[in-house]
């Protein structure tokens, strides 16, 4: 019987994979633009999610929704005095 995959296991494995991606992609002499990296990750997600069960797709959708919410919240911060975010 395989060992149960815990949240800690997920975070550890995901962190290790993120480190590999950073080493491979972002530490090049001329790393690609951030928007290119993000678009590539979205493409990877779309390809990978096709192999998941409907439940797995739902879990991934909730995770991406949470990320989108965090990004929108961060984008409404006013980093420059006198400037307002426009959405």
PDB file of N, CA and C in Angstrom:
ATOM      1  N   UNK A   1       0.847  -1.178   0.000  1.00  0.00           N
ATOM      2  CA  UNK A   1       0.000   0.000   0.000  1.00  0.00           C
ATOM      3  C   UNK A   1       0.897   1.246   0.000  1.00  0.00           C
ATOM      4  N   UNK A   2       0.672   2.175  -0.940  1.00  0.00           N
ATOM      5  CA  UNK A   2       1.515   3.368  -1.005  1.00  0.00           C
ATOM      6  C   UNK A   2       1.275   4.287   0.193  1.00  0.00           C
ATOM      7  N   UNK A   3       2.314   5.030   0.542  1.00  0.00           N
ATOM      8  CA  UNK A   3       2.235   5.994   1.638  1.00  0.00           C
ATOM      9  C   UNK A   3       1.265   7.109   1.258  1.00  0.00           C
ATOM     10  N   UNK A   4       0.511   7.584   2.244  1.00  0.00           N
ATOM     11  CA  UNK A   4      -0.420   8.687   1.996  1.00  0.00           C
ATOM     12  C   UNK A   4       0.359   9.948   1.617  1.00  0.00           C
ATOM     13  N   UNK A   5      -0.139  10.652   0.627  1.00  0.00           N
ATOM     14  CA  UNK A   5       0.489  11.883   0.138  1.00  0.00           C
ATOM     15  C   UNK A   5      -0.091  13.042   0.935  1.00  0.00           C
ATOM     16  N   UNK A   6       0.692  13.604   1.832  1.00  0.00           N
ATOM     17  CA  UNK A   6       0.211  14.654   2.727  1.00  0.00           C
ATOM     18  C   UNK A   6       0.418  16.046   2.121  1.00  0.00           C
ATOM     19  N   UNK A   7      -0.159  17.031   2.776  1.00  0.00           N
ATOM     20  CA  UNK A   7       0.040  18.418   2.355  1.00  0.00           C
ATOM     21  C   UNK A   7       1.515  18.792   2.436  1.00  0.00           C
ATOM     22  N   UNK A   8       2.190  18.314   3.475  1.00  0.00           N
ATOM     23  CA  UNK A   8       3.627  18.592   3.610  1.00  0.00           C
ATOM     24  C   UNK A   8       4.406  17.963   2.461  1.00  0.00           C
ATOM     25  N   UNK A   9       4.027  16.726   2.071  1.00  0.00           N
ATOM     26  CA  UNK A   9       4.678  16.073   0.930  1.00  0.00           C
ATOM     27  C   UNK A   9       4.483  16.903  -0.334  1.00  0.00           C
ATOM     28  N   UNK A  10       3.259  17.359  -0.542  1.00  0.00           N
ATOM     29  CA  UNK A  10       2.943  18.175  -1.714  1.00  0.00           C
ATOM     30  C   UNK A  10       3.791  19.443  -1.729  1.00  0.00           C
ATOM     31  N   UNK A  11       3.849  20.126  -0.603  1.00  0.00           N
ATOM     32  CA  UNK A  11       4.616  21.367  -0.544  1.00  0.00           C
ATOM     33  C   UNK A  11       6.104  21.113  -0.767  1.00  0.00           C
ATOM     34  N   UNK A  12       6.627  20.027  -0.202  1.00  0.00           N
ATOM     35  CA  UNK A  12       8.045  19.705  -0.390  1.00  0.00           C
ATOM     36  C   UNK A  12       8.360  19.393  -1.851  1.00  0.00           C
ATOM     37  N   UNK A  13       7.539  18.540  -2.470  1.00  0.00           N
ATOM     38  CA  UNK A  13       7.776  18.171  -3.869  1.00  0.00           C
ATOM     39  C   UNK A  13       7.580  19.366  -4.795  1.00  0.00           C
ATOM     40  N   UNK A  14       6.546  20.161  -4.530  1.00  0.00           N
ATOM     41  CA  UNK A  14       6.294  21.341  -5.359  1.00  0.00           C
ATOM     42  C   UNK A  14       7.428  22.353  -5.211  1.00  0.00           C
ATOM     43  N   UNK A  15       7.929  22.520  -4.012  1.00  0.00           N
ATOM     44  CA  UNK A  15       9.050  23.433  -3.791  1.00  0.00           C
ATOM     45  C   UNK A  15      10.300  22.985  -4.528  1.00  0.00           C
ATOM     46  N   UNK A  16      10.554  21.675  -4.508  1.00  0.00           N
ATOM     47  CA  UNK A  16      11.721  21.139  -5.219  1.00  0.00           C
ATOM     48  C   UNK A  16      11.573  21.345  -6.725  1.00  0.00           C
ATOM     49  N   UNK A  17      10.366  21.106  -7.256  1.00  0.00           N
ATOM     50  CA  UNK A  17      10.137  21.304  -8.685  1.00  0.00           C
ATOM     51  C   UNK A  17      10.250  22.779  -9.054  1.00  0.00           C
ATOM     52  N   UNK A  18       9.721  23.656  -8.203  1.00  0.00           N
ATOM     53  CA  UNK A  18       9.837  25.097  -8.459  1.00  0.00           C
ATOM     54  C   UNK A  18      11.303  25.520  -8.507  1.00  0.00           C
ATOM     55  N   UNK A  19      12.111  24.959  -7.625  1.00  0.00           N
ATOM     56  CA  UNK A  19      13.546  25.267  -7.623  1.00  0.00           C
ATOM     57  C   UNK A  19      14.194  24.819  -8.926  1.00  0.00           C
ATOM     58  N   UNK A  20      13.814  23.643  -9.418  1.00  0.00           N
ATOM     59  CA  UNK A  20      14.353  23.156 -10.696  1.00  0.00           C
ATOM     60  C   UNK A  20      13.952  24.080 -11.840  1.00  0.00           C
ATOM     61  N   UNK A  21      12.701  24.522 -11.839  1.00  0.00           N
ATOM     62  CA  UNK A  21      12.227  25.424 -12.893  1.00  0.00           C
ATOM     63  C   UNK A  21      12.995  26.742 -12.832  1.00  0.00           C
ATOM     64  N   UNK A  22      13.161  27.268 -11.631  1.00  0.00           N
ATOM     65  CA  UNK A  22      13.906  28.522 -11.476  1.00  0.00           C
ATOM     66  C   UNK A  22      15.330  28.355 -11.979  1.00  0.00           C
ATOM     67  N   UNK A  23      15.978  27.257 -11.588  1.00  0.00           N
ATOM     68  CA  UNK A  23      17.355  27.012 -12.032  1.00  0.00           C
ATOM     69  C   UNK A  23      17.446  26.907 -13.549  1.00  0.00           C
ATOM     70  N   UNK A  24      16.482  26.224 -14.155  1.00  0.00           N
ATOM     71  CA  UNK A  24      16.517  25.972 -15.596  1.00  0.00           C
ATOM     72  C   UNK A  24      16.128  27.206 -16.409  1.00  0.00           C
ATOM     73  N   UNK A  25      15.116  27.918 -15.965  1.00  0.00           N
ATOM     74  CA  UNK A  25      14.540  28.984 -16.782  1.00  0.00           C
ATOM     75  C   UNK A  25      15.027  30.377 -16.388  1.00  0.00           C
ATOM     76  N   UNK A  26      14.983  30.675 -15.130  1.00  0.00           N
ATOM     77  CA  UNK A  26      15.195  32.058 -14.709  1.00  0.00           C
ATOM     78  C   UNK A  26      16.643  32.424 -14.430  1.00  0.00           C
ATOM     79  N   UNK A  27      17.506  31.449 -14.324  1.00  0.00           N
ATOM     80  CA  UNK A  27      18.912  31.763 -14.035  1.00  0.00           C
ATOM     81  C   UNK A  27      19.781  31.684 -15.279  1.00  0.00           C
ATOM     82  N   UNK A  28      19.183  31.871 -16.426  1.00  0.00           N
ATOM     83  CA  UNK A  28      19.920  31.926 -17.680  1.00  0.00           C
ATOM     84  C   UNK A  28      20.588  33.301 -17.779  1.00  0.00           C
ATOM     85  N   UNK A  29      21.636  33.427 -18.606  1.00  0.00           N
ATOM     86  CA  UNK A  29      22.267  34.745 -18.778  1.00  0.00           C
ATOM     87  C   UNK A  29      21.257  35.817 -19.201  1.00  0.00           C
ATOM     88  N   UNK A  30      20.324  35.443 -20.063  1.00  0.00           N
ATOM     89  CA  UNK A  30      19.256  36.360 -20.472  1.00  0.00           C
ATOM     90  C   UNK A  30      17.923  35.653 -20.252  1.00  0.00           C
ATOM     91  N   UNK A  31      17.388  35.692 -19.025  1.00  0.00           N
ATOM     92  CA  UNK A  31      16.138  34.981 -18.761  1.00  0.00           C
ATOM     93  C   UNK A  31      14.984  35.560 -19.573  1.00  0.00           C
ATOM     94  N   UNK A  32      14.002  34.732 -19.905  1.00  0.00           N
ATOM     95  CA  UNK A  32      12.848  35.228 -20.663  1.00  0.00           C
ATOM     96  C   UNK A  32      12.037  36.216 -19.821  1.00  0.00           C
ATOM     97  N   UNK A  33      11.245  37.001 -20.518  1.00  0.00           N
ATOM     98  CA  UNK A  33      10.378  37.960 -19.831  1.00  0.00           C
ATOM     99  C   UNK A  33       9.421  37.208 -18.908  1.00  0.00           C
ATOM    100  N   UNK A  34       9.047  37.851 -17.838  1.00  0.00           N
ATOM    101  CA  UNK A  34       8.142  37.245 -16.860  1.00  0.00           C
ATOM    102  C   UNK A  34       6.847  36.797 -17.513  1.00  0.00           C
ATOM    103  N   UNK A  35       6.292  37.616 -18.401  1.00  0.00           N
ATOM    104  CA  UNK A  35       5.028  37.264 -19.038  1.00  0.00           C
ATOM    105  C   UNK A  35       5.172  35.996 -19.879  1.00  0.00           C
ATOM    106  N   UNK A  36       6.337  35.784 -20.478  1.00  0.00           N
ATOM    107  CA  UNK A  36       6.579  34.567 -21.266  1.00  0.00           C
ATOM    108  C   UNK A  36       6.636  33.354 -20.341  1.00  0.00           C
ATOM    109  N   UNK A  37       7.312  33.500 -19.210  1.00  0.00           N
ATOM    110  CA  UNK A  37       7.393  32.402 -18.243  1.00  0.00           C
ATOM    111  C   UNK A  37       6.001  32.050 -17.731  1.00  0.00           C
ATOM    112  N   UNK A  38       5.211  33.061 -17.379  1.00  0.00           N
ATOM    113  CA  UNK A  38       3.867  32.800 -16.870  1.00  0.00           C
ATOM    114  C   UNK A  38       2.977  32.155 -17.923  1.00  0.00           C
ATOM    115  N   UNK A  39       3.064  32.608 -19.160  1.00  0.00           N
ATOM    116  CA  UNK A  39       2.272  32.009 -20.237  1.00  0.00           C
ATOM    117  C   UNK A  39       2.670  30.553 -20.442  1.00  0.00           C
ATOM    118  N   UNK A  40       3.963  30.260 -20.371  1.00  0.00           N
ATOM    119  CA  UNK A  40       4.430  28.877 -20.513  1.00  0.00           C
ATOM    120  C   UNK A  40       3.899  28.005 -19.374  1.00  0.00           C
ATOM    121  N   UNK A  41       3.865  28.543 -18.165  1.00  0.00           N
ATOM    122  CA  UNK A  41       3.335  27.774 -17.035  1.00  0.00           C
ATOM    123  C   UNK A  41       1.840  27.519 -17.192  1.00  0.00           C
ATOM    124  N   UNK A  42       1.108  28.493 -17.722  1.00  0.00           N
ATOM    125  CA  UNK A  42      -0.324  28.295 -17.977  1.00  0.00           C
ATOM    126  C   UNK A  42      -0.518  27.216 -19.042  1.00  0.00           C
ATOM    127  N   UNK A  43       0.306  27.235 -20.094  1.00  0.00           N
ATOM    128  CA  UNK A  43       0.230  26.185 -21.120  1.00  0.00           C
ATOM    129  C   UNK A  43       0.512  24.816 -20.511  1.00  0.00           C
ATOM    130  N   UNK A  44       1.522  24.741 -19.647  1.00  0.00           N
ATOM    131  CA  UNK A  44       1.848  23.486 -18.970  1.00  0.00           C
ATOM    132  C   UNK A  44       0.663  23.009 -18.140  1.00  0.00           C
ATOM    133  N   UNK A  45       0.029  23.918 -17.429  1.00  0.00           N
ATOM    134  CA  UNK A  45      -1.155  23.586 -16.640  1.00  0.00           C
ATOM    135  C   UNK A  45      -2.255  23.022 -17.536  1.00  0.00           C
ATOM    136  N   UNK A  46      -2.530  23.701 -18.638  1.00  0.00           N
ATOM    137  CA  UNK A  46      -3.611  23.257 -19.524  1.00  0.00           C
ATOM    138  C   UNK A  46      -3.349  21.865 -20.091  1.00  0.00           C
ATOM    139  N   UNK A  47      -2.107  21.592 -20.433  1.00  0.00           N
ATOM    140  CA  UNK A  47      -1.761  20.269 -20.964  1.00  0.00           C
ATOM    141  C   UNK A  47      -1.877  19.219 -19.866  1.00  0.00           C
ATOM    142  N   UNK A  48      -1.338  19.519 -18.693  1.00  0.00           N
ATOM    143  CA  UNK A  48      -1.319  18.543 -17.601  1.00  0.00           C
ATOM    144  C   UNK A  48      -2.718  18.251 -17.068  1.00  0.00           C
ATOM    145  N   UNK A  49      -3.552  19.265 -16.972  1.00  0.00           N
ATOM    146  CA  UNK A  49      -4.866  19.094 -16.367  1.00  0.00           C
ATOM    147  C   UNK A  49      -5.747  18.131 -17.172  1.00  0.00           C
ATOM    148  N   UNK A  50      -5.439  17.958 -18.452  1.00  0.00           N
ATOM    149  CA  UNK A  50      -6.214  17.033 -19.283  1.00  0.00           C
ATOM    150  C   UNK A  50      -6.102  15.594 -18.799  1.00  0.00           C
ATOM    151  N   UNK A  51      -5.036  15.279 -18.049  1.00  0.00           N
ATOM    152  CA  UNK A  51      -4.840  13.914 -17.568  1.00  0.00           C
ATOM    153  C   UNK A  51      -5.511  13.670 -16.218  1.00  0.00           C
ATOM    154  N   UNK A  52      -6.135  14.684 -15.649  1.00  0.00           N
ATOM    155  CA  UNK A  52      -6.720  14.555 -14.320  1.00  0.00           C
ATOM    156  C   UNK A  52      -8.179  14.125 -14.378  1.00  0.00           C
ATOM    157  N   UNK A  53      -8.641  13.603 -13.260  1.00  0.00           N
ATOM    158  CA  UNK A  53     -10.059  13.268 -13.113  1.00  0.00           C
ATOM    159  C   UNK A  53     -10.852  14.573 -12.990  1.00  0.00           C
ATOM    160  N   UNK A  54     -12.174  14.503 -13.157  1.00  0.00           N
ATOM    161  CA  UNK A  54     -12.971  15.721 -12.973  1.00  0.00           C
ATOM    162  C   UNK A  54     -12.747  16.364 -11.595  1.00  0.00           C
ATOM    163  N   UNK A  55     -12.610  15.541 -10.556  1.00  0.00           N
ATOM    164  CA  UNK A  55     -12.346  16.087  -9.222  1.00  0.00           C
ATOM    165  C   UNK A  55     -11.000  16.813  -9.201  1.00  0.00           C
ATOM    166  N   UNK A  56      -9.986  16.205  -9.794  1.00  0.00           N
ATOM    167  CA  UNK A  56      -8.661  16.821  -9.846  1.00  0.00           C
ATOM    168  C   UNK A  56      -8.680  18.135 -10.604  1.00  0.00           C
ATOM    169  N   UNK A  57      -9.449  18.175 -11.680  1.00  0.00           N
ATOM    170  CA  UNK A  57      -9.579  19.417 -12.451  1.00  0.00           C
ATOM    171  C   UNK A  57     -10.215  20.499 -11.580  1.00  0.00           C
ATOM    172  N   UNK A  58     -11.232  20.118 -10.814  1.00  0.00           N
ATOM    173  CA  UNK A  58     -11.879  21.077  -9.915  1.00  0.00           C
ATOM    174  C   UNK A  58     -10.936  21.612  -8.856  1.00  0.00           C
ATOM    175  N   UNK A  59     -10.121  20.726  -8.283  1.00  0.00           N
ATOM    176  CA  UNK A  59      -9.146  21.149  -7.271  1.00  0.00           C
ATOM    177  C   UNK A  59      -8.152  22.130  -7.884  1.00  0.00           C
ATOM    178  N   UNK A  60      -7.667  21.821  -9.083  1.00  0.00           N
ATOM    179  CA  UNK A  60      -6.725  22.724  -9.760  1.00  0.00           C
ATOM    180  C   UNK A  60      -7.383  24.057 -10.090  1.00  0.00           C
ATOM    181  N   UNK A  61      -8.632  24.020 -10.502  1.00  0.00           N
ATOM    182  CA  UNK A  61      -9.348  25.258 -10.817  1.00  0.00           C
ATOM    183  C   UNK A  61      -9.482  26.135  -9.577  1.00  0.00           C
ATOM    184  N   UNK A  62      -9.771  25.519  -8.435  1.00  0.00           N
ATOM    185  CA  UNK A  62      -9.874  26.285  -7.191  1.00  0.00           C
ATOM    186  C   UNK A  62      -8.523  26.901  -6.824  1.00  0.00           C
ATOM    187  N   UNK A  63      -7.455  26.152  -7.028  1.00  0.00           N
ATOM    188  CA  UNK A  63      -6.115  26.656  -6.727  1.00  0.00           C
ATOM    189  C   UNK A  63      -5.780  27.844  -7.618  1.00  0.00           C
ATOM    190  N   UNK A  64      -6.065  27.716  -8.917  1.00  0.00           N
ATOM    191  CA  UNK A  64      -5.793  28.830  -9.828  1.00  0.00           C
ATOM    192  C   UNK A  64      -6.690  30.027  -9.531  1.00  0.00           C
ATOM    193  N   UNK A  65      -7.925  29.759  -9.120  1.00  0.00           N
ATOM    194  CA  UNK A  65      -8.820  30.847  -8.734  1.00  0.00           C
ATOM    195  C   UNK A  65      -8.284  31.609  -7.530  1.00  0.00           C
ATOM    196  N   UNK A  66      -7.744  30.865  -6.563  1.00  0.00           N
ATOM    197  CA  UNK A  66      -7.146  31.496  -5.392  1.00  0.00           C
ATOM    198  C   UNK A  66      -5.955  32.352  -5.805  1.00  0.00           C
ATOM    199  N   UNK A  67      -5.124  31.822  -6.685  1.00  0.00           N
ATOM    200  CA  UNK A  67      -3.965  32.576  -7.170  1.00  0.00           C
ATOM    201  C   UNK A  67      -4.414  33.841  -7.900  1.00  0.00           C
ATOM    202  N   UNK A  68      -5.431  33.707  -8.737  1.00  0.00           N
ATOM    203  CA  UNK A  68      -5.944  34.873  -9.466  1.00  0.00           C
ATOM    204  C   UNK A  68      -6.444  35.937  -8.490  1.00  0.00           C
ATOM    205  N   UNK A  69      -7.139  35.509  -7.447  1.00  0.00           N
ATOM    206  CA  UNK A  69      -7.615  36.453  -6.440  1.00  0.00           C
ATOM    207  C   UNK A  69      -6.476  37.169  -5.741  1.00  0.00           C
ATOM    208  N   UNK A  70      -5.429  36.418  -5.392  1.00  0.00           N
ATOM    209  CA  UNK A  70      -4.262  37.023  -4.743  1.00  0.00           C
ATOM    210  C   UNK A  70      -3.589  38.034  -5.669  1.00  0.00           C
ATOM    211  N   UNK A  71      -3.503  37.693  -6.953  1.00  0.00           N
ATOM    212  CA  UNK A  71      -2.865  38.601  -7.908  1.00  0.00           C
ATOM    213  C   UNK A  71      -3.699  39.867  -8.096  1.00  0.00           C
ATOM    214  N   UNK A  72      -5.021  39.713  -8.181  1.00  0.00           N
ATOM    215  CA  UNK A  72      -5.883  40.893  -8.316  1.00  0.00           C
ATOM    216  C   UNK A  72      -5.792  41.782  -7.082  1.00  0.00           C
ATOM    217  N   UNK A  73      -5.758  41.153  -5.914  1.00  0.00           N
ATOM    218  CA  UNK A  73      -5.643  41.931  -4.684  1.00  0.00           C
ATOM    219  C   UNK A  73      -4.318  42.689  -4.657  1.00  0.00           C
ATOM    220  N   UNK A  74      -3.244  42.034  -5.052  1.00  0.00           N
ATOM    221  CA  UNK A  74      -1.935  42.694  -5.081  1.00  0.00           C
ATOM    222  C   UNK A  74      -1.904  43.815  -6.113  1.00  0.00           C
ATOM    223  N   UNK A  75      -2.638  43.653  -7.204  1.00  0.00           N
ATOM    224  CA  UNK A  75      -2.611  44.673  -8.256  1.00  0.00           C
ATOM    225  C   UNK A  75      -3.370  45.928  -7.866  1.00  0.00           C
ATOM    226  N   UNK A  76      -4.204  45.850  -6.839  1.00  0.00           N
ATOM    227  CA  UNK A  76      -4.935  47.039  -6.405  1.00  0.00           C
ATOM    228  C   UNK A  76      -4.152  47.851  -5.388  1.00  0.00           C
ATOM    229  N   UNK A  77      -3.021  47.321  -4.934  1.00  0.00           N
ATOM    230  CA  UNK A  77      -2.165  48.095  -4.039  1.00  0.00           C
ATOM    231  C   UNK A  77      -1.624  49.287  -4.825  1.00  0.00           C
ATOM    232  N   UNK A  78      -1.447  50.395  -4.157  1.00  0.00           N
ATOM    233  CA  UNK A  78      -0.954  51.598  -4.825  1.00  0.00           C
ATOM    234  C   UNK A  78       0.523  51.769  -4.488  1.00  0.00           C
ATOM    235  N   UNK A  79       1.423  51.287  -5.360  1.00  0.00           N
ATOM    236  CA  UNK A  79       2.843  51.359  -5.047  1.00  0.00           C
ATOM    237  C   UNK A  79       3.436  52.762  -5.187  1.00  0.00           C
ATOM    238  N   UNK A  80       2.799  53.625  -5.976  1.00  0.00           N
ATOM    239  CA  UNK A  80       3.316  54.972  -6.215  1.00  0.00           C
ATOM    240  C   UNK A  80       2.290  55.970  -5.678  1.00  0.00           C
ATOM    241  N   UNK A  81       2.694  56.853  -4.772  1.00  0.00           N
ATOM    242  CA  UNK A  81       1.732  57.824  -4.228  1.00  0.00           C
ATOM    243  C   UNK A  81       1.050  58.620  -5.347  1.00  0.00           C
ATOM    244  N   UNK A  82      -0.254  58.751  -5.225  1.00  0.00           N
ATOM    245  CA  UNK A  82      -1.005  59.521  -6.207  1.00  0.00           C
ATOM    246  C   UNK A  82      -1.480  58.719  -7.398  1.00  0.00           C
ATOM    247  N   UNK A  83      -1.053  57.459  -7.509  1.00  0.00           N
ATOM    248  CA  UNK A  83      -1.473  56.615  -8.633  1.00  0.00           C
ATOM    249  C   UNK A  83      -2.508  55.617  -8.142  1.00  0.00           C
ATOM    250  N   UNK A  84      -3.504  55.375  -8.943  1.00  0.00           N
ATOM    251  CA  UNK A  84      -4.529  54.395  -8.607  1.00  0.00           C
ATOM    252  C   UNK A  84      -4.518  53.282  -9.631  1.00  0.00           C
ATOM    253  N   UNK A  85      -4.720  52.061  -9.146  1.00  0.00           N
ATOM    254  CA  UNK A  85      -4.828  50.925 -10.057  1.00  0.00           C
ATOM    255  C   UNK A  85      -6.142  51.039 -10.819  1.00  0.00           C
ATOM    256  N   UNK A  86      -6.121  50.698 -12.084  1.00  0.00           N
ATOM    257  CA  UNK A  86      -7.317  50.754 -12.918  1.00  0.00           C
ATOM    258  C   UNK A  86      -7.634  49.343 -13.374  1.00  0.00           C
ATOM    259  N   UNK A  87      -8.867  48.913 -13.124  1.00  0.00           N
ATOM    260  CA  UNK A  87      -9.306  47.573 -13.551  1.00  0.00           C
ATOM    261  C   UNK A  87     -10.589  47.695 -14.307  1.00  0.00           C
TER     262      UNK A  87
END
